[in-house]
Amino acid sequence: MRRSVRAAAAGVVALLCMLACAALADDDPILGTGQERELHVGGLTRTYRVVPSHVQSNYGRALVMVLHGGFGSAAGAQAAYGGDWVANFSNAEIVYPDGYGRSWNAGRCCGPAHDRGIDDVAFLTAVIRDAERRDGIDPKNIFVTGMSNGAIMAYRLACEGPIALAAIGPVAGDLEVPCTAPVAPVSVMAIHGTADQNVPYGGGVGAKAFVKVDHTSVASSIARWRSIDRCEGRPVSTRAGTVVRETENCAAGTTIILVTVEGAGHQWPGATPAPPAVARLLGLDPPSRAMHATDALWFFFLGHVASKT
């Protein structure tokens, strides 16, 4: 009897832990494949996964960095977002870094990385430099995307990092640093669902969020980048079903695109969904089928190189 009570209590604790992490979890934790590398940054041993390009070329390779969401992992992002095809069919290498405690210090959030003051700008810069040294990466063709906490970190890296990025692709994230002196203008494709209850489209504290951050609105985040990139015209809006794109070509050859997915929650459009039982238990939003974010981001990245102005 005592053993069964202990077993039941352990099950309840495990369930509560899963539920507590649910609002922060953005990735299906499926193990992916790829070479893992270690770096020593800020007194810590950090890791990232790399999927090299399978295309032979005499030109420098592009680098696409994919940042997992809160409580996610490099392997989970690799499995869920379907980005490896880019390395299989183009002259681009994909890297999936692992956050500290499954989180990124992206400014005002999130999780253990924020609480401990981890310098993730330094870590991600080290990942890029390591890939440049080992793999012949072209420094003009470095792209960063991410989901949720990873998307917020992509914004921060573009704002505060020493490397001029060609473009970033934040998905379901917002700008959580002042961004007063970025090293260069950068093209941006931001993708966000209007029904996101973790990082709300209109800003504020998400009803389902584990970390209670008063998020910047998507409109304000994009407005800041339009100012940085010296965008002077009016965005051109197009619609395809529930997907609305607002596109503006700016100074130094940069482009800002806001992709709004009407009715979509906190998710990566086109991602591999979690198993139904897991999704129900954890309250995960289903990936939208209105578009495929990975494909859209890659074709956006193809048209941009880093600006030095």
C-alpha atoms as a PDB file:
ATOM      1  CA  MET A   1       0.000   0.000   0.000  1.00  0.00           C
ATOM      2  CA  ARG A   2       2.784   2.405   0.970  1.00  0.00           C
ATOM      3  CA  ARG A   3       4.604   1.629  -2.310  1.00  0.00           C
ATOM      4  CA  SER A   4       1.481   2.322  -4.398  1.00  0.00           C
ATOM      5  CA  VAL A   5       0.966   5.657  -2.644  1.00  0.00           C
ATOM      6  CA  ARG A   6       4.574   6.616  -3.341  1.00  0.00           C
ATOM      7  CA  ALA A   7       4.187   5.575  -6.986  1.00  0.00           C
ATOM      8  CA  ALA A   8       0.989   7.586  -7.336  1.00  0.00           C
ATOM      9  CA  ALA A   9       2.639  10.623  -5.750  1.00  0.00           C
ATOM     10  CA  ALA A  10       5.595  10.329  -8.118  1.00  0.00           C
ATOM     11  CA  GLY A  11       3.206  10.203 -11.064  1.00  0.00           C
ATOM     12  CA  VAL A  12       1.401  13.320  -9.885  1.00  0.00           C
ATOM     13  CA  VAL A  13       4.704  15.178  -9.468  1.00  0.00           C
ATOM     14  CA  ALA A  14       5.799  14.159 -12.969  1.00  0.00           C
ATOM     15  CA  LEU A  15       2.488  15.294 -14.428  1.00  0.00           C
ATOM     16  CA  LEU A  16       2.687  18.629 -12.632  1.00  0.00           C
ATOM     17  CA  CYS A  17       6.214  19.150 -13.932  1.00  0.00           C
ATOM     18  CA  MET A  18       5.031  18.470 -17.467  1.00  0.00           C
ATOM     19  CA  LEU A  19       2.146  20.897 -17.099  1.00  0.00           C
ATOM     20  CA  ALA A  20       4.353  23.577 -15.551  1.00  0.00           C
ATOM     21  CA  CYS A  21       6.698  23.359 -18.526  1.00  0.00           C
ATOM     22  CA  ALA A  22       3.926  23.224 -21.104  1.00  0.00           C
ATOM     23  CA  ALA A  23       3.436  26.954 -21.539  1.00  0.00           C
ATOM     24  CA  LEU A  24       7.153  27.342 -22.137  1.00  0.00           C
ATOM     25  CA  ALA A  25       7.564  24.350 -24.427  1.00  0.00           C
ATOM     26  CA  ASP A  26       7.653  25.200 -28.122  1.00  0.00           C
ATOM     27  CA  ASP A  27       9.329  22.163 -29.666  1.00  0.00           C
ATOM     28  CA  ASP A  28       8.356  18.531 -30.026  1.00  0.00           C
ATOM     29  CA  PRO A  29      11.246  16.891 -28.111  1.00  0.00           C
ATOM     30  CA  ILE A  30      12.103  14.350 -30.795  1.00  0.00           C
ATOM     31  CA  LEU A  31      15.754  13.418 -31.112  1.00  0.00           C
ATOM     32  CA  GLY A  32      17.226  14.509 -34.437  1.00  0.00           C
ATOM     33  CA  THR A  33      20.486  13.609 -36.146  1.00  0.00           C
ATOM     34  CA  GLY A  34      23.608  15.642 -36.808  1.00  0.00           C
ATOM     35  CA  GLN A  35      27.123  16.278 -35.647  1.00  0.00           C
ATOM     36  CA  GLU A  36      27.365  17.849 -32.190  1.00  0.00           C
ATOM     37  CA  ARG A  37      30.141  20.318 -31.382  1.00  0.00           C
ATOM     38  CA  GLU A  38      31.289  21.812 -28.087  1.00  0.00           C
ATOM     39  CA  LEU A  39      32.424  25.353 -27.345  1.00  0.00           C
ATOM     40  CA  HIS A  40      33.683  26.902 -24.113  1.00  0.00           C
ATOM     41  CA  VAL A  41      32.124  30.333 -23.678  1.00  0.00           C
ATOM     42  CA  GLY A  42      31.762  32.394 -20.501  1.00  0.00           C
ATOM     43  CA  GLY A  43      33.103  29.593 -18.333  1.00  0.00           C
ATOM     44  CA  LEU A  44      30.487  27.148 -19.631  1.00  0.00           C
ATOM     45  CA  THR A  45      30.614  24.228 -22.032  1.00  0.00           C
ATOM     46  CA  ARG A  46      27.984  24.870 -24.689  1.00  0.00           C
ATOM     47  CA  THR A  47      26.877  22.727 -27.610  1.00  0.00           C
ATOM     48  CA  TYR A  48      25.435  23.065 -31.071  1.00  0.00           C
ATOM     49  CA  ARG A  49      24.382  20.643 -33.778  1.00  0.00           C
ATOM     50  CA  VAL A  50      25.499  21.114 -37.385  1.00  0.00           C
ATOM     51  CA  VAL A  51      24.060  19.756 -40.632  1.00  0.00           C
ATOM     52  CA  PRO A  52      26.603  20.420 -43.396  1.00  0.00           C
ATOM     53  CA  SER A  53      25.612  21.181 -46.959  1.00  0.00           C
ATOM     54  CA  HIS A  54      25.628  18.216 -49.321  1.00  0.00           C
ATOM     55  CA  VAL A  55      26.067  20.461 -52.362  1.00  0.00           C
ATOM     56  CA  GLN A  56      29.552  20.865 -53.803  1.00  0.00           C
ATOM     57  CA  SER A  57      30.397  24.505 -54.581  1.00  0.00           C
ATOM     58  CA  ASN A  58      33.367  26.776 -55.111  1.00  0.00           C
ATOM     59  CA  TYR A  59      31.544  29.602 -53.357  1.00  0.00           C
ATOM     60  CA  GLY A  60      31.469  30.311 -49.631  1.00  0.00           C
ATOM     61  CA  ARG A  61      28.625  28.588 -47.858  1.00  0.00           C
ATOM     62  CA  ALA A  62      25.650  30.284 -46.280  1.00  0.00           C
ATOM     63  CA  LEU A  63      24.877  29.633 -42.614  1.00  0.00           C
ATOM     64  CA  VAL A  64      21.347  29.300 -41.246  1.00  0.00           C
ATOM     65  CA  MET A  65      21.159  29.314 -37.442  1.00  0.00           C
ATOM     66  CA  VAL A  66      17.932  27.920 -35.945  1.00  0.00           C
ATOM     67  CA  LEU A  67      17.167  28.766 -32.295  1.00  0.00           C
ATOM     68  CA  HIS A  68      14.773  26.506 -30.408  1.00  0.00           C
ATOM     69  CA  GLY A  69      11.987  27.872 -28.245  1.00  0.00           C
ATOM     70  CA  GLY A  70      11.774  27.940 -24.484  1.00  0.00           C
ATOM     71  CA  PHE A  71      12.111  24.492 -22.884  1.00  0.00           C
ATOM     72  CA  GLY A  72      13.125  23.204 -26.316  1.00  0.00           C
ATOM     73  CA  SER A  73      16.395  21.818 -27.625  1.00  0.00           C
ATOM     74  CA  ALA A  74      18.565  21.808 -30.722  1.00  0.00           C
ATOM     75  CA  ALA A  75      17.474  18.249 -31.541  1.00  0.00           C
ATOM     76  CA  GLY A  76      13.806  19.121 -31.019  1.00  0.00           C
ATOM     77  CA  ALA A  77      13.989  22.151 -33.315  1.00  0.00           C
ATOM     78  CA  GLN A  78      15.817  20.098 -35.923  1.00  0.00           C
ATOM     79  CA  ALA A  79      13.100  17.440 -35.888  1.00  0.00           C
ATOM     80  CA  ALA A  80      10.083  19.738 -35.704  1.00  0.00           C
ATOM     81  CA  TYR A  81      10.852  22.546 -38.158  1.00  0.00           C
ATOM     82  CA  GLY A  82      12.106  20.514 -41.119  1.00  0.00           C
ATOM     83  CA  GLY A  83      15.093  22.718 -41.950  1.00  0.00           C
ATOM     84  CA  ASP A  84      17.571  20.002 -42.903  1.00  0.00           C
ATOM     85  CA  TRP A  85      16.317  19.949 -46.491  1.00  0.00           C
ATOM     86  CA  VAL A  86      18.021  23.323 -46.973  1.00  0.00           C
ATOM     87  CA  ALA A  87      21.419  21.705 -46.352  1.00  0.00           C
ATOM     88  CA  ASN A  88      20.519  18.753 -48.558  1.00  0.00           C
ATOM     89  CA  PHE A  89      19.626  20.839 -51.599  1.00  0.00           C
ATOM     90  CA  SER A  90      21.547  24.124 -51.294  1.00  0.00           C
ATOM     91  CA  ASN A  91      24.963  25.555 -50.504  1.00  0.00           C
ATOM     92  CA  ALA A  92      23.937  26.270 -46.923  1.00  0.00           C
ATOM     93  CA  GLU A  93      24.895  24.775 -43.575  1.00  0.00           C
ATOM     94  CA  ILE A  94      22.324  24.569 -40.771  1.00  0.00           C
ATOM     95  CA  VAL A  95      23.288  24.938 -37.119  1.00  0.00           C
ATOM     96  CA  TYR A  96      21.060  24.292 -34.115  1.00  0.00           C
ATOM     97  CA  PRO A  97      22.549  25.661 -30.866  1.00  0.00           C
ATOM     98  CA  ASP A  98      21.370  24.496 -27.438  1.00  0.00           C
ATOM     99  CA  GLY A  99      20.246  27.150 -24.991  1.00  0.00           C
ATOM    100  CA  TYR A 100      21.312  27.242 -21.347  1.00  0.00           C
ATOM    101  CA  GLY A 101      18.752  25.275 -19.335  1.00  0.00           C
ATOM    102  CA  ARG A 102      16.684  24.981 -22.539  1.00  0.00           C
ATOM    103  CA  SER A 103      16.330  28.768 -22.685  1.00  0.00           C
ATOM    104  CA  TRP A 104      17.900  31.945 -24.092  1.00  0.00           C
ATOM    105  CA  ASN A 105      18.732  35.210 -22.367  1.00  0.00           C
ATOM    106  CA  ALA A 106      16.958  37.311 -24.955  1.00  0.00           C
ATOM    107  CA  GLY A 107      16.614  40.525 -22.963  1.00  0.00           C
ATOM    108  CA  ARG A 108      13.707  40.644 -20.547  1.00  0.00           C
ATOM    109  CA  CYS A 109      13.192  36.885 -20.805  1.00  0.00           C
ATOM    110  CA  CYS A 110      13.406  33.925 -20.478  1.00  0.00           C
ATOM    111  CA  GLY A 111      13.973  31.157 -17.957  1.00  0.00           C
ATOM    112  CA  PRO A 112      17.290  29.986 -16.473  1.00  0.00           C
ATOM    113  CA  ALA A 113      19.416  31.774 -19.094  1.00  0.00           C
ATOM    114  CA  HIS A 114      17.848  35.119 -18.218  1.00  0.00           C
ATOM    115  CA  ASP A 115      17.835  34.455 -14.476  1.00  0.00           C
ATOM    116  CA  ARG A 116      21.543  33.620 -14.455  1.00  0.00           C
ATOM    117  CA  GLY A 117      22.520  36.436 -16.831  1.00  0.00           C
ATOM    118  CA  ILE A 118      23.983  34.114 -19.485  1.00  0.00           C
ATOM    119  CA  ASP A 119      25.689  35.974 -22.346  1.00  0.00           C
ATOM    120  CA  ASP A 120      23.972  34.251 -25.243  1.00  0.00           C
ATOM    121  CA  VAL A 121      25.041  36.961 -27.677  1.00  0.00           C
ATOM    122  CA  ALA A 122      28.627  35.889 -26.990  1.00  0.00           C
ATOM    123  CA  PHE A 123      27.750  32.191 -27.323  1.00  0.00           C
ATOM    124  CA  LEU A 124      25.917  32.544 -30.642  1.00  0.00           C
ATOM    125  CA  THR A 125      28.678  34.776 -31.987  1.00  0.00           C
ATOM    126  CA  ALA A 126      31.155  32.035 -31.057  1.00  0.00           C
ATOM    127  CA  VAL A 127      29.024  29.462 -32.903  1.00  0.00           C
ATOM    128  CA  ILE A 128      29.086  31.589 -36.053  1.00  0.00           C
ATOM    129  CA  ARG A 129      32.856  32.166 -35.829  1.00  0.00           C
ATOM    130  CA  ASP A 130      33.455  28.468 -35.216  1.00  0.00           C
ATOM    131  CA  ALA A 131      31.401  27.518 -38.275  1.00  0.00           C
ATOM    132  CA  GLU A 132      33.193  30.148 -40.368  1.00  0.00           C
ATOM    133  CA  ARG A 133      36.577  28.739 -39.359  1.00  0.00           C
ATOM    134  CA  ARG A 134      35.701  25.077 -39.822  1.00  0.00           C
ATOM    135  CA  ASP A 135      33.314  25.106 -42.746  1.00  0.00           C
ATOM    136  CA  GLY A 136      34.139  28.034 -45.038  1.00  0.00           C
ATOM    137  CA  ILE A 137      31.049  30.069 -44.231  1.00  0.00           C
ATOM    138  CA  ASP A 138      30.676  33.326 -46.193  1.00  0.00           C
ATOM    139  CA  PRO A 139      30.358  36.103 -43.563  1.00  0.00           C
ATOM    140  CA  LYS A 140      27.935  37.976 -45.826  1.00  0.00           C
ATOM    141  CA  ASN A 141      25.480  35.086 -45.822  1.00  0.00           C
ATOM    142  CA  ILE A 142      24.611  34.451 -42.178  1.00  0.00           C
ATOM    143  CA  PHE A 143      20.932  34.070 -41.305  1.00  0.00           C
ATOM    144  CA  VAL A 144      19.244  33.520 -37.946  1.00  0.00           C
ATOM    145  CA  THR A 145      15.742  32.287 -37.236  1.00  0.00           C
ATOM    146  CA  GLY A 146      14.042  30.997 -34.123  1.00  0.00           C
ATOM    147  CA  MET A 147      10.792  30.194 -32.383  1.00  0.00           C
ATOM    148  CA  SER A 148       9.353  32.137 -29.414  1.00  0.00           C
ATOM    149  CA  ASN A 149      12.227  32.572 -26.914  1.00  0.00           C
ATOM    150  CA  GLY A 150      14.528  31.695 -29.846  1.00  0.00           C
ATOM    151  CA  ALA A 151      12.861  34.336 -32.024  1.00  0.00           C
ATOM    152  CA  ILE A 152      13.345  36.937 -29.305  1.00  0.00           C
ATOM    153  CA  MET A 153      16.993  35.866 -29.144  1.00  0.00           C
ATOM    154  CA  ALA A 154      17.342  36.283 -32.921  1.00  0.00           C
ATOM    155  CA  TYR A 155      16.218  39.897 -32.526  1.00  0.00           C
ATOM    156  CA  ARG A 156      18.719  40.429 -29.729  1.00  0.00           C
ATOM    157  CA  LEU A 157      21.614  38.958 -31.704  1.00  0.00           C
ATOM    158  CA  ALA A 158      20.843  41.264 -34.628  1.00  0.00           C
ATOM    159  CA  CYS A 159      20.625  44.228 -32.246  1.00  0.00           C
ATOM    160  CA  GLU A 160      23.662  43.608 -30.036  1.00  0.00           C
ATOM    161  CA  GLY A 161      25.926  41.149 -31.829  1.00  0.00           C
ATOM    162  CA  PRO A 162      29.200  42.195 -33.508  1.00  0.00           C
ATOM    163  CA  ILE A 163      28.394  40.351 -36.759  1.00  0.00           C
ATOM    164  CA  ALA A 164      26.394  41.960 -39.576  1.00  0.00           C
ATOM    165  CA  LEU A 165      23.654  39.409 -40.229  1.00  0.00           C
ATOM    166  CA  ALA A 166      22.142  39.135 -43.687  1.00  0.00           C
ATOM    167  CA  ALA A 167      18.598  38.538 -42.362  1.00  0.00           C
ATOM    168  CA  ILE A 168      16.636  37.209 -39.410  1.00  0.00           C
ATOM    169  CA  GLY A 169      13.382  35.290 -39.302  1.00  0.00           C
ATOM    170  CA  PRO A 170      11.692  35.484 -35.885  1.00  0.00           C
ATOM    171  CA  VAL A 171       8.637  33.222 -35.532  1.00  0.00           C
ATOM    172  CA  ALA A 172       6.195  33.924 -32.682  1.00  0.00           C
ATOM    173  CA  GLY A 173       8.604  36.308 -30.954  1.00  0.00           C
ATOM    174  CA  ASP A 174       9.081  39.999 -30.218  1.00  0.00           C
ATOM    175  CA  LEU A 175      11.827  42.570 -29.638  1.00  0.00           C
ATOM    176  CA  GLU A 176      12.775  42.711 -25.936  1.00  0.00           C
ATOM    177  CA  VAL A 177      15.915  44.897 -25.983  1.00  0.00           C
ATOM    178  CA  PRO A 178      16.231  48.645 -26.731  1.00  0.00           C
ATOM    179  CA  CYS A 179      18.177  48.001 -29.960  1.00  0.00           C
ATOM    180  CA  THR A 180      19.818  51.427 -30.050  1.00  0.00           C
ATOM    181  CA  ALA A 181      23.008  50.725 -32.017  1.00  0.00           C
ATOM    182  CA  PRO A 182      22.939  47.581 -34.199  1.00  0.00           C
ATOM    183  CA  VAL A 183      26.138  46.972 -36.145  1.00  0.00           C
ATOM    184  CA  ALA A 184      24.251  47.167 -39.476  1.00  0.00           C
ATOM    185  CA  PRO A 185      20.764  47.209 -40.973  1.00  0.00           C
ATOM    186  CA  VAL A 186      19.297  43.740 -41.395  1.00  0.00           C
ATOM    187  CA  SER A 187      16.442  42.295 -43.392  1.00  0.00           C
ATOM    188  CA  VAL A 188      13.611  40.807 -41.336  1.00  0.00           C
ATOM    189  CA  MET A 189      10.801  38.355 -42.029  1.00  0.00           C
ATOM    190  CA  ALA A 190       8.671  38.075 -38.889  1.00  0.00           C
ATOM    191  CA  ILE A 191       5.924  35.420 -38.722  1.00  0.00           C
ATOM    192  CA  HIS A 192       3.250  35.578 -36.025  1.00  0.00           C
ATOM    193  CA  GLY A 193      -0.239  34.230 -35.356  1.00  0.00           C
ATOM    194  CA  THR A 194      -3.015  36.543 -34.231  1.00  0.00           C
ATOM    195  CA  ALA A 195      -4.289  34.011 -31.655  1.00  0.00           C
ATOM    196  CA  ASP A 196      -0.928  33.579 -29.899  1.00  0.00           C
ATOM    197  CA  GLN A 197      -1.537  33.396 -26.131  1.00  0.00           C
ATOM    198  CA  ASN A 198       2.126  32.969 -25.164  1.00  0.00           C
ATOM    199  CA  VAL A 199       3.663  35.946 -26.966  1.00  0.00           C
ATOM    200  CA  PRO A 200       0.527  37.967 -27.808  1.00  0.00           C
ATOM    201  CA  TYR A 201       0.342  39.608 -31.227  1.00  0.00           C
ATOM    202  CA  GLY A 202      -0.811  42.855 -29.648  1.00  0.00           C
ATOM    203  CA  GLY A 203       1.709  42.694 -26.786  1.00  0.00           C
ATOM    204  CA  GLY A 204       1.231  42.215 -23.065  1.00  0.00           C
ATOM    205  CA  VAL A 205       1.377  39.167 -20.802  1.00  0.00           C
ATOM    206  CA  GLY A 206       0.336  35.921 -22.469  1.00  0.00           C
ATOM    207  CA  ALA A 207      -2.504  34.003 -20.839  1.00  0.00           C
ATOM    208  CA  LYS A 208      -0.676  30.687 -21.419  1.00  0.00           C
ATOM    209  CA  ALA A 209       2.853  31.957 -20.822  1.00  0.00           C
ATOM    210  CA  PHE A 210       4.995  30.302 -18.161  1.00  0.00           C
ATOM    211  CA  VAL A 211       7.262  33.368 -17.882  1.00  0.00           C
ATOM    212  CA  LYS A 212       5.076  36.403 -17.229  1.00  0.00           C
ATOM    213  CA  VAL A 213       6.739  38.990 -19.467  1.00  0.00           C
ATOM    214  CA  ASP A 214       4.925  42.096 -20.675  1.00  0.00           C
ATOM    215  CA  HIS A 215       5.763  41.502 -24.330  1.00  0.00           C
ATOM    216  CA  THR A 216       6.270  44.207 -26.937  1.00  0.00           C
ATOM    217  CA  SER A 217       3.617  44.121 -29.651  1.00  0.00           C
ATOM    218  CA  VAL A 218       4.479  42.749 -33.070  1.00  0.00           C
ATOM    219  CA  ALA A 219       3.657  46.121 -34.615  1.00  0.00           C
ATOM    220  CA  SER A 220       6.086  47.932 -32.293  1.00  0.00           C
ATOM    221  CA  SER A 221       8.820  45.348 -32.889  1.00  0.00           C
ATOM    222  CA  ILE A 222       8.525  45.742 -36.655  1.00  0.00           C
ATOM    223  CA  ALA A 223       8.291  49.533 -36.403  1.00  0.00           C
ATOM    224  CA  ARG A 224      11.645  49.595 -34.626  1.00  0.00           C
ATOM    225  CA  TRP A 225      13.271  47.636 -37.452  1.00  0.00           C
ATOM    226  CA  ARG A 226      11.701  49.853 -40.076  1.00  0.00           C
ATOM    227  CA  SER A 227      13.381  52.773 -38.323  1.00  0.00           C
ATOM    228  CA  ILE A 228      16.736  50.950 -38.124  1.00  0.00           C
ATOM    229  CA  ASP A 229      16.581  50.012 -41.815  1.00  0.00           C
ATOM    230  CA  ARG A 230      15.445  53.509 -42.834  1.00  0.00           C
ATOM    231  CA  CYS A 231      12.243  52.354 -44.485  1.00  0.00           C
ATOM    232  CA  GLU A 232      10.472  55.425 -45.828  1.00  0.00           C
ATOM    233  CA  GLY A 233       7.598  54.099 -47.926  1.00  0.00           C
ATOM    234  CA  ARG A 234       4.393  52.300 -47.064  1.00  0.00           C
ATOM    235  CA  PRO A 235       4.341  48.498 -46.836  1.00  0.00           C
ATOM    236  CA  VAL A 236       2.653  46.648 -49.698  1.00  0.00           C
ATOM    237  CA  SER A 237       0.040  44.230 -48.371  1.00  0.00           C
ATOM    238  CA  THR A 238      -0.959  40.945 -50.015  1.00  0.00           C
ATOM    239  CA  ARG A 239      -3.243  38.160 -48.849  1.00  0.00           C
ATOM    240  CA  ALA A 240      -3.334  34.411 -49.500  1.00  0.00           C
ATOM    241  CA  GLY A 241      -6.188  32.899 -47.500  1.00  0.00           C
ATOM    242  CA  THR A 242      -5.497  33.605 -43.820  1.00  0.00           C
ATOM    243  CA  VAL A 243      -1.921  34.721 -44.453  1.00  0.00           C
ATOM    244  CA  VAL A 244      -1.278  38.460 -44.840  1.00  0.00           C
ATOM    245  CA  ARG A 245       2.143  39.765 -45.928  1.00  0.00           C
ATOM    246  CA  GLU A 246       3.225  43.368 -45.492  1.00  0.00           C
ATOM    247  CA  THR A 247       6.423  44.003 -47.467  1.00  0.00           C
ATOM    248  CA  GLU A 248       8.647  47.063 -47.543  1.00  0.00           C
ATOM    249  CA  ASN A 249      11.945  47.524 -49.379  1.00  0.00           C
ATOM    250  CA  CYS A 250      14.271  49.760 -47.414  1.00  0.00           C
ATOM    251  CA  ALA A 251      17.667  51.453 -47.575  1.00  0.00           C
ATOM    252  CA  ALA A 252      20.883  49.457 -48.129  1.00  0.00           C
ATOM    253  CA  GLY A 253      18.914  46.792 -49.992  1.00  0.00           C
ATOM    254  CA  THR A 254      17.144  45.472 -46.897  1.00  0.00           C
ATOM    255  CA  THR A 255      13.567  44.224 -46.780  1.00  0.00           C
ATOM    256  CA  ILE A 256      11.082  44.043 -43.921  1.00  0.00           C
ATOM    257  CA  ILE A 257       8.235  41.530 -44.196  1.00  0.00           C
ATOM    258  CA  LEU A 258       5.589  40.939 -41.548  1.00  0.00           C
ATOM    259  CA  VAL A 259       3.674  37.705 -42.109  1.00  0.00           C
ATOM    260  CA  THR A 260       0.473  37.585 -40.072  1.00  0.00           C
ATOM    261  CA  VAL A 261      -1.301  34.227 -39.837  1.00  0.00           C
ATOM    262  CA  GLU A 262      -4.882  34.932 -38.859  1.00  0.00           C
ATOM    263  CA  GLY A 263      -6.271  32.630 -36.187  1.00  0.00           C
ATOM    264  CA  ALA A 264      -2.964  30.836 -35.589  1.00  0.00           C
ATOM    265  CA  GLY A 265      -1.640  30.320 -32.079  1.00  0.00           C
ATOM    266  CA  HIS A 266       1.844  29.981 -30.620  1.00  0.00           C
ATOM    267  CA  GLN A 267       3.402  27.692 -33.219  1.00  0.00           C
ATOM    268  CA  TRP A 268       5.784  27.316 -36.168  1.00  0.00           C
ATOM    269  CA  PRO A 269       3.590  27.120 -39.283  1.00  0.00           C
ATOM    270  CA  GLY A 270       4.125  23.874 -41.151  1.00  0.00           C
ATOM    271  CA  ALA A 271       6.045  22.188 -38.319  1.00  0.00           C
ATOM    272  CA  THR A 272       5.728  18.523 -37.434  1.00  0.00           C
ATOM    273  CA  PRO A 273       2.941  18.406 -34.815  1.00  0.00           C
ATOM    274  CA  ALA A 274       3.343  16.788 -31.442  1.00  0.00           C
ATOM    275  CA  PRO A 275       1.505  13.481 -30.949  1.00  0.00           C
ATOM    276  CA  PRO A 276      -2.207  14.209 -30.277  1.00  0.00           C
ATOM    277  CA  ALA A 277      -2.124  12.890 -26.716  1.00  0.00           C
ATOM    278  CA  VAL A 278       0.900  15.042 -25.872  1.00  0.00           C
ATOM    279  CA  ALA A 279      -0.633  18.106 -27.525  1.00  0.00           C
ATOM    280  CA  ARG A 280      -3.843  17.669 -25.514  1.00  0.00           C
ATOM    281  CA  LEU A 281      -2.018  17.057 -22.247  1.00  0.00           C
ATOM    282  CA  LEU A 282       0.295  20.053 -22.645  1.00  0.00           C
ATOM    283  CA  GLY A 283      -2.145  22.392 -24.355  1.00  0.00           C
ATOM    284  CA  LEU A 284       0.134  22.935 -27.376  1.00  0.00           C
ATOM    285  CA  ASP A 285      -1.226  24.946 -30.287  1.00  0.00           C
ATOM    286  CA  PRO A 286      -1.332  22.980 -33.549  1.00  0.00           C
ATOM    287  CA  PRO A 287       1.011  24.163 -36.299  1.00  0.00           C
ATOM    288  CA  SER A 288      -0.861  26.201 -38.892  1.00  0.00           C
ATOM    289  CA  ARG A 289      -1.198  24.616 -42.328  1.00  0.00           C
ATOM    290  CA  ALA A 290      -1.786  27.968 -44.007  1.00  0.00           C
ATOM    291  CA  MET A 291       1.920  28.206 -44.888  1.00  0.00           C
ATOM    292  CA  HIS A 292       5.269  26.511 -44.327  1.00  0.00           C
ATOM    293  CA  ALA A 293       7.471  28.865 -42.326  1.00  0.00           C
ATOM    294  CA  THR A 294      10.739  27.038 -43.049  1.00  0.00           C
ATOM    295  CA  ASP A 295      10.243  27.238 -46.815  1.00  0.00           C
ATOM    296  CA  ALA A 296       9.133  30.878 -46.683  1.00  0.00           C
ATOM    297  CA  LEU A 297      12.110  31.895 -44.558  1.00  0.00           C
ATOM    298  CA  TRP A 298      14.654  30.114 -46.752  1.00  0.00           C
ATOM    299  CA  PHE A 299      13.352  31.707 -49.959  1.00  0.00           C
ATOM    300  CA  PHE A 300      13.425  35.068 -48.188  1.00  0.00           C
ATOM    301  CA  PHE A 301      17.002  34.486 -47.045  1.00  0.00           C
ATOM    302  CA  LEU A 302      18.088  33.610 -50.593  1.00  0.00           C
ATOM    303  CA  GLY A 303      17.506  37.176 -51.712  1.00  0.00           C
ATOM    304  CA  HIS A 304      19.669  38.929 -49.105  1.00  0.00           C
ATOM    305  CA  VAL A 305      23.276  39.436 -48.113  1.00  0.00           C
ATOM    306  CA  ALA A 306      24.637  41.347 -45.138  1.00  0.00           C
ATOM    307  CA  SER A 307      24.667  45.143 -45.306  1.00  0.00           C
ATOM    308  CA  LYS A 308      27.720  47.102 -44.155  1.00  0.00           C
ATOM    309  CA  THR A 309      26.062  50.523 -44.045  1.00  0.00           C
END
